[in-house]
N, C-alpha and C. Protein backbone atom coordinates (compact mmCIF):
# COMPACT_ATOMS: atom_id res chain seq x y z
N GLU A 1 -30.87 -41.67 16.00
CA GLU A 1 -29.62 -42.22 15.46
C GLU A 1 -28.63 -41.03 14.90
N ARG A 2 -29.45 -40.02 14.07
CA ARG A 2 -28.67 -38.88 13.50
C ARG A 2 -28.34 -37.94 14.79
N GLU A 3 -29.00 -37.78 15.72
CA GLU A 3 -28.79 -36.81 16.69
C GLU A 3 -27.44 -37.07 17.27
N PRO A 4 -27.11 -38.27 17.86
CA PRO A 4 -25.82 -38.41 18.49
C PRO A 4 -24.66 -38.03 17.41
N ALA A 5 -24.72 -38.37 16.20
CA ALA A 5 -23.79 -38.30 15.28
C ALA A 5 -23.57 -36.59 15.00
N ARG A 6 -24.72 -36.11 14.94
CA ARG A 6 -24.98 -34.46 14.77
C ARG A 6 -23.99 -33.77 15.95
N LEU A 7 -24.50 -34.45 17.20
CA LEU A 7 -23.82 -33.69 18.40
C LEU A 7 -22.40 -34.13 18.50
N LEU A 8 -21.77 -35.24 18.12
CA LEU A 8 -20.53 -35.58 18.03
C LEU A 8 -19.76 -34.65 16.94
N PHE A 9 -20.28 -34.30 15.89
CA PHE A 9 -19.85 -33.59 14.75
C PHE A 9 -19.52 -32.11 15.39
N GLN A 10 -20.66 -31.54 16.13
CA GLN A 10 -20.57 -30.30 16.75
C GLN A 10 -19.48 -30.21 17.80
N LEU A 11 -19.24 -31.22 18.66
CA LEU A 11 -18.26 -31.28 19.70
C LEU A 11 -16.95 -31.21 18.87
N ARG A 12 -16.63 -31.94 17.81
CA ARG A 12 -15.46 -32.03 17.10
C ARG A 12 -15.21 -30.72 16.73
N ASP A 13 -16.19 -30.06 16.02
CA ASP A 13 -16.08 -28.66 15.47
C ASP A 13 -15.65 -27.65 16.64
N PHE A 14 -16.25 -27.69 17.73
CA PHE A 14 -15.80 -26.93 18.96
C PHE A 14 -14.47 -27.19 19.38
N LEU A 15 -14.13 -28.32 19.59
CA LEU A 15 -12.84 -28.83 20.00
C LEU A 15 -11.61 -28.33 18.93
N LEU A 16 -11.87 -28.43 17.79
CA LEU A 16 -10.93 -27.99 16.78
C LEU A 16 -10.75 -26.49 16.74
N GLY A 17 -11.77 -25.71 16.91
CA GLY A 17 -11.70 -24.35 17.05
C GLY A 17 -11.05 -23.77 18.22
N TYR A 18 -11.51 -24.63 19.50
CA TYR A 18 -10.65 -24.19 20.60
C TYR A 18 -9.29 -24.56 20.70
N ASN A 19 -8.73 -25.72 19.95
CA ASN A 19 -7.29 -25.92 19.65
C ASN A 19 -6.64 -24.82 19.02
N ARG A 20 -7.39 -24.35 17.82
CA ARG A 20 -6.80 -23.58 17.05
C ARG A 20 -6.57 -22.27 17.68
N MET A 21 -7.49 -21.68 18.63
CA MET A 21 -7.41 -20.65 19.36
C MET A 21 -6.31 -20.74 20.33
N THR A 22 -6.27 -21.86 20.93
CA THR A 22 -5.29 -21.99 22.10
C THR A 22 -3.92 -21.83 21.34
N GLN A 23 -3.65 -22.63 20.30
CA GLN A 23 -2.42 -22.64 19.48
C GLN A 23 -1.86 -21.14 19.20
N LEU A 24 -2.93 -20.61 18.59
CA LEU A 24 -2.69 -19.08 18.02
C LEU A 24 -2.23 -18.11 19.11
N CYS A 25 -3.00 -18.18 20.27
CA CYS A 25 -2.66 -17.33 21.60
C CYS A 25 -1.60 -17.76 22.07
N PHE A 26 -1.27 -18.95 22.19
CA PHE A 26 0.07 -19.44 22.77
C PHE A 26 1.26 -18.95 22.06
N ARG A 27 1.22 -19.18 20.77
CA ARG A 27 2.28 -18.76 19.93
C ARG A 27 2.52 -17.13 20.05
N HIS A 28 1.39 -16.48 20.17
CA HIS A 28 1.26 -14.93 20.07
C HIS A 28 2.03 -14.41 21.47
N CYS A 29 1.53 -15.11 22.53
CA CYS A 29 1.74 -14.48 23.89
C CYS A 29 2.84 -14.98 24.66
N VAL A 30 3.19 -16.50 24.53
CA VAL A 30 4.03 -17.12 25.48
C VAL A 30 5.33 -17.10 24.62
N SER A 31 6.32 -16.41 25.26
CA SER A 31 7.65 -16.30 24.70
C SER A 31 8.85 -16.91 25.58
N ASN A 32 8.63 -17.47 26.84
CA ASN A 32 9.62 -17.99 27.53
C ASN A 32 9.12 -19.27 28.08
N LEU A 33 9.58 -20.48 27.63
CA LEU A 33 9.22 -21.54 28.32
C LEU A 33 9.99 -22.05 29.62
N ASN A 34 10.91 -21.39 30.02
CA ASN A 34 11.86 -21.81 31.06
C ASN A 34 11.32 -21.74 32.42
N TYR A 35 9.96 -21.22 32.59
CA TYR A 35 9.43 -21.09 33.88
C TYR A 35 8.07 -21.79 33.98
N ARG A 36 7.74 -22.32 35.12
CA ARG A 36 6.60 -23.20 35.19
C ARG A 36 5.28 -22.43 35.17
N LEU A 37 5.25 -21.13 35.60
CA LEU A 37 4.18 -20.48 35.57
C LEU A 37 4.31 -19.13 34.30
N LEU A 38 3.11 -18.75 34.13
CA LEU A 38 2.97 -17.77 33.05
C LEU A 38 3.48 -16.40 33.75
N THR A 39 4.07 -15.50 33.00
CA THR A 39 4.18 -13.94 33.55
C THR A 39 2.98 -13.37 33.54
N GLY A 40 2.97 -12.38 34.36
CA GLY A 40 1.75 -11.39 34.21
C GLY A 40 1.59 -10.89 32.85
N ARG A 41 2.52 -10.56 32.12
CA ARG A 41 2.43 -10.15 30.81
C ARG A 41 1.86 -11.18 29.89
N GLU A 42 2.32 -12.37 30.08
CA GLU A 42 1.79 -13.40 29.33
C GLU A 42 0.37 -13.70 29.60
N GLU A 43 0.03 -13.78 30.77
CA GLU A 43 -1.47 -13.88 31.16
C GLU A 43 -2.43 -12.91 30.63
N THR A 44 -1.84 -11.67 30.66
CA THR A 44 -2.70 -10.37 30.35
C THR A 44 -2.84 -10.65 28.51
N CYS A 45 -1.70 -11.02 28.01
CA CYS A 45 -1.82 -11.30 26.63
C CYS A 45 -2.67 -12.39 26.16
N LEU A 46 -2.70 -13.34 26.92
CA LEU A 46 -3.67 -14.68 26.54
C LEU A 46 -5.06 -14.27 26.80
N ASP A 47 -5.30 -13.56 27.87
CA ASP A 47 -6.62 -12.95 28.13
C ASP A 47 -7.28 -12.25 27.16
N SER A 48 -6.41 -11.45 26.70
CA SER A 48 -6.84 -10.37 25.56
C SER A 48 -6.80 -11.01 24.35
N CYS A 49 -5.99 -11.97 23.98
CA CYS A 49 -5.96 -12.61 22.74
C CYS A 49 -7.25 -13.58 22.67
N ALA A 50 -7.46 -14.31 23.76
CA ALA A 50 -8.77 -15.35 23.74
C ALA A 50 -9.98 -14.44 23.67
N GLY A 51 -10.13 -13.39 24.34
CA GLY A 51 -11.32 -12.54 24.22
C GLY A 51 -11.56 -11.97 22.89
N LYS A 52 -10.62 -11.52 22.23
CA LYS A 52 -10.77 -11.00 21.12
C LYS A 52 -11.32 -12.27 20.24
N LEU A 53 -10.77 -13.26 20.07
CA LEU A 53 -11.18 -14.34 19.31
C LEU A 53 -12.48 -14.84 19.58
N VAL A 54 -12.99 -14.75 20.82
CA VAL A 54 -14.23 -15.23 21.21
C VAL A 54 -15.25 -14.18 20.67
N HIS A 55 -14.79 -12.89 21.01
CA HIS A 55 -15.60 -11.87 20.43
C HIS A 55 -15.87 -11.84 19.02
N ALA A 56 -14.91 -12.11 18.36
CA ALA A 56 -14.85 -12.19 16.79
C ALA A 56 -15.88 -13.25 16.54
N ASN A 57 -15.70 -14.49 17.14
CA ASN A 57 -16.51 -15.55 16.83
C ASN A 57 -18.07 -15.32 17.22
N HIS A 58 -18.16 -14.70 18.12
CA HIS A 58 -19.68 -14.32 18.53
C HIS A 58 -20.29 -13.42 17.39
N ARG A 59 -19.51 -12.62 16.89
CA ARG A 59 -19.92 -11.49 15.93
C ARG A 59 -20.21 -12.31 14.59
N LEU A 60 -19.34 -13.31 14.17
CA LEU A 60 -19.51 -14.19 12.95
C LEU A 60 -20.73 -14.77 13.19
N MET A 61 -20.84 -15.50 14.31
CA MET A 61 -22.04 -16.34 14.46
C MET A 61 -23.43 -15.73 14.51
N SER A 62 -23.34 -14.46 15.10
CA SER A 62 -24.58 -13.66 14.78
C SER A 62 -24.90 -13.19 13.44
N ALA A 63 -23.90 -13.02 12.78
CA ALA A 63 -24.23 -12.52 11.30
C ALA A 63 -24.67 -13.89 10.44
N TYR A 64 -24.17 -14.84 10.74
CA TYR A 64 -24.52 -16.45 10.21
C TYR A 64 -26.06 -16.47 10.65
N VAL A 65 -26.37 -16.36 11.79
CA VAL A 65 -27.73 -16.82 12.17
C VAL A 65 -28.66 -15.72 11.47
N ALA A 66 -28.22 -14.28 11.34
CA ALA A 66 -29.22 -13.52 10.82
C ALA A 66 -29.31 -13.85 9.42
N LEU A 67 -28.33 -14.23 8.53
CA LEU A 67 -28.34 -14.44 7.21
C LEU A 67 -28.96 -15.70 6.92
N MET A 68 -28.85 -16.60 7.77
CA MET A 68 -29.43 -18.12 7.45
C MET A 68 -30.84 -18.19 7.05
N PRO A 69 -31.75 -17.53 7.58
CA PRO A 69 -33.10 -17.64 6.92
C PRO A 69 -33.23 -17.17 5.55
N ALA A 70 -32.41 -16.06 5.21
CA ALA A 70 -32.50 -15.62 3.77
C ALA A 70 -31.79 -16.64 2.82
N ILE A 71 -30.81 -17.29 3.47
CA ILE A 71 -29.96 -18.21 2.60
C ILE A 71 -30.99 -19.49 2.21
N MET A 72 -31.62 -19.86 3.29
CA MET A 72 -32.41 -21.10 3.17
C MET A 72 -33.69 -20.80 2.26
N GLN A 73 -34.26 -19.62 2.44
CA GLN A 73 -35.35 -19.17 1.62
C GLN A 73 -34.90 -19.22 0.20
N ARG A 74 -33.83 -18.79 -0.22
CA ARG A 74 -33.17 -18.66 -1.54
C ARG A 74 -33.09 -20.19 -2.00
N ARG A 75 -32.37 -20.88 -1.32
CA ARG A 75 -32.25 -22.32 -1.62
C ARG A 75 -33.62 -23.22 -1.90
N ALA A 76 -34.59 -22.91 -1.08
CA ALA A 76 -35.97 -23.49 -1.33
C ALA A 76 -36.45 -22.84 -2.54
N THR A 77 -36.35 -21.66 -2.95
CA THR A 77 -36.71 -21.01 -4.11
C THR A 77 -36.02 -21.70 -5.22
N ASP A 78 -34.91 -21.67 -5.18
CA ASP A 78 -33.99 -22.45 -6.21
C ASP A 78 -34.36 -23.70 -6.62
N TYR A 79 -34.58 -24.58 -5.30
CA TYR A 79 -35.02 -25.94 -5.57
C TYR A 79 -36.36 -26.10 -6.12
N GLU A 80 -37.35 -25.34 -5.80
CA GLU A 80 -38.62 -25.47 -6.38
C GLU A 80 -38.49 -25.06 -7.80
N ALA A 81 -37.81 -24.11 -8.38
CA ALA A 81 -37.81 -23.68 -9.54
C ALA A 81 -37.05 -24.87 -10.27
N SER A 82 -36.11 -25.43 -9.75
CA SER A 82 -35.50 -26.59 -10.46
C SER A 82 -36.36 -27.77 -10.85
N VAL A 83 -37.20 -27.92 -9.76
CA VAL A 83 -38.27 -29.07 -9.86
C VAL A 83 -39.38 -28.64 -11.04
N VAL A 84 -39.59 -27.40 -11.01
CA VAL A 84 -40.66 -27.05 -11.98
C VAL A 84 -40.03 -27.15 -13.42
N ARG A 85 -38.52 -26.66 -13.67
CA ARG A 85 -37.85 -26.85 -14.87
C ARG A 85 -37.84 -28.41 -15.16
N ALA A 86 -37.54 -29.16 -14.38
CA ALA A 86 -37.60 -30.70 -14.62
C ALA A 86 -38.60 -31.20 -15.14
N SER A 87 -39.74 -30.80 -14.40
CA SER A 87 -41.13 -31.34 -14.71
C SER A 87 -41.62 -30.75 -16.25
N GLN A 88 -41.15 -29.62 -16.50
CA GLN A 88 -41.61 -28.96 -17.73
C GLN A 88 -40.80 -29.79 -18.86
N SER A 89 -39.56 -29.95 -18.63
CA SER A 89 -38.57 -30.66 -19.49
C SER A 89 -39.19 -31.98 -19.86
N SER A 90 -39.38 -32.72 -18.86
CA SER A 90 -40.10 -34.11 -18.84
C SER A 90 -41.40 -34.05 -19.74
N ALA A 91 -42.10 -33.23 -19.39
CA ALA A 91 -43.48 -32.94 -20.09
C ALA A 91 -43.18 -32.73 -21.62
N GLU A 92 -42.19 -31.81 -21.88
CA GLU A 92 -41.96 -31.35 -23.20
C GLU A 92 -41.53 -32.65 -24.00
N ALA A 93 -40.55 -33.44 -23.35
CA ALA A 93 -39.88 -34.73 -24.00
C ALA A 93 -40.97 -35.81 -24.13
N GLY A 94 -41.94 -35.78 -23.41
CA GLY A 94 -43.09 -36.73 -23.55
C GLY A 94 -43.91 -36.49 -24.77
N LEU A 95 -44.15 -34.96 -24.94
CA LEU A 95 -44.89 -34.57 -25.93
C LEU A 95 -44.12 -34.70 -27.25
N ALA A 96 -42.91 -34.55 -27.33
CA ALA A 96 -42.01 -34.81 -28.48
C ALA A 96 -42.07 -36.18 -28.83
N ALA A 97 -42.26 -37.17 -27.81
CA ALA A 97 -42.24 -38.59 -28.18
C ALA A 97 -43.53 -39.00 -28.70
N GLY A 98 -44.52 -38.26 -28.51
CA GLY A 98 -45.84 -38.62 -28.95
C GLY A 98 -46.86 -39.18 -27.90
N GLU A 99 -46.27 -39.09 -26.65
CA GLU A 99 -47.14 -39.48 -25.32
C GLU A 99 -48.12 -38.34 -25.17
N PRO A 100 -49.39 -38.97 -24.62
CA PRO A 100 -50.45 -37.95 -24.20
C PRO A 100 -49.99 -37.12 -22.97
N PRO A 101 -50.32 -36.14 -22.80
CA PRO A 101 -50.05 -35.29 -21.52
C PRO A 101 -50.61 -36.19 -20.12
N GLY A 102 -49.68 -36.30 -19.28
CA GLY A 102 -49.84 -36.87 -17.97
C GLY A 102 -49.53 -38.34 -17.98
N ALA A 103 -49.24 -38.92 -19.32
CA ALA A 103 -48.83 -40.37 -19.43
C ALA A 103 -47.53 -40.83 -18.74
N SER A 104 -46.59 -39.79 -18.52
CA SER A 104 -45.32 -40.24 -17.87
C SER A 104 -45.29 -40.23 -16.42
């Protein structure tokens, strides 16, 4: 049940990124809407613009993939430390209330 929702979310993100790229390159490259076809200059500009954006996106994703294991490890370590702190706090609160250790 979660898989279709995740795939739909990924598709939505892809389409949003594609639409942003299309709008950006169109605004940058297409200057005359009086003709049905793009000029050679506009086509070259669009190819270059889209290529640069795709290349930049690939570099960002590569950096993200490279950093993700370290980020996940840090989150896991932080989570484990917070669980230990919470456990110690509840044990200390139980001792302060006069409960024997392990009673809570």
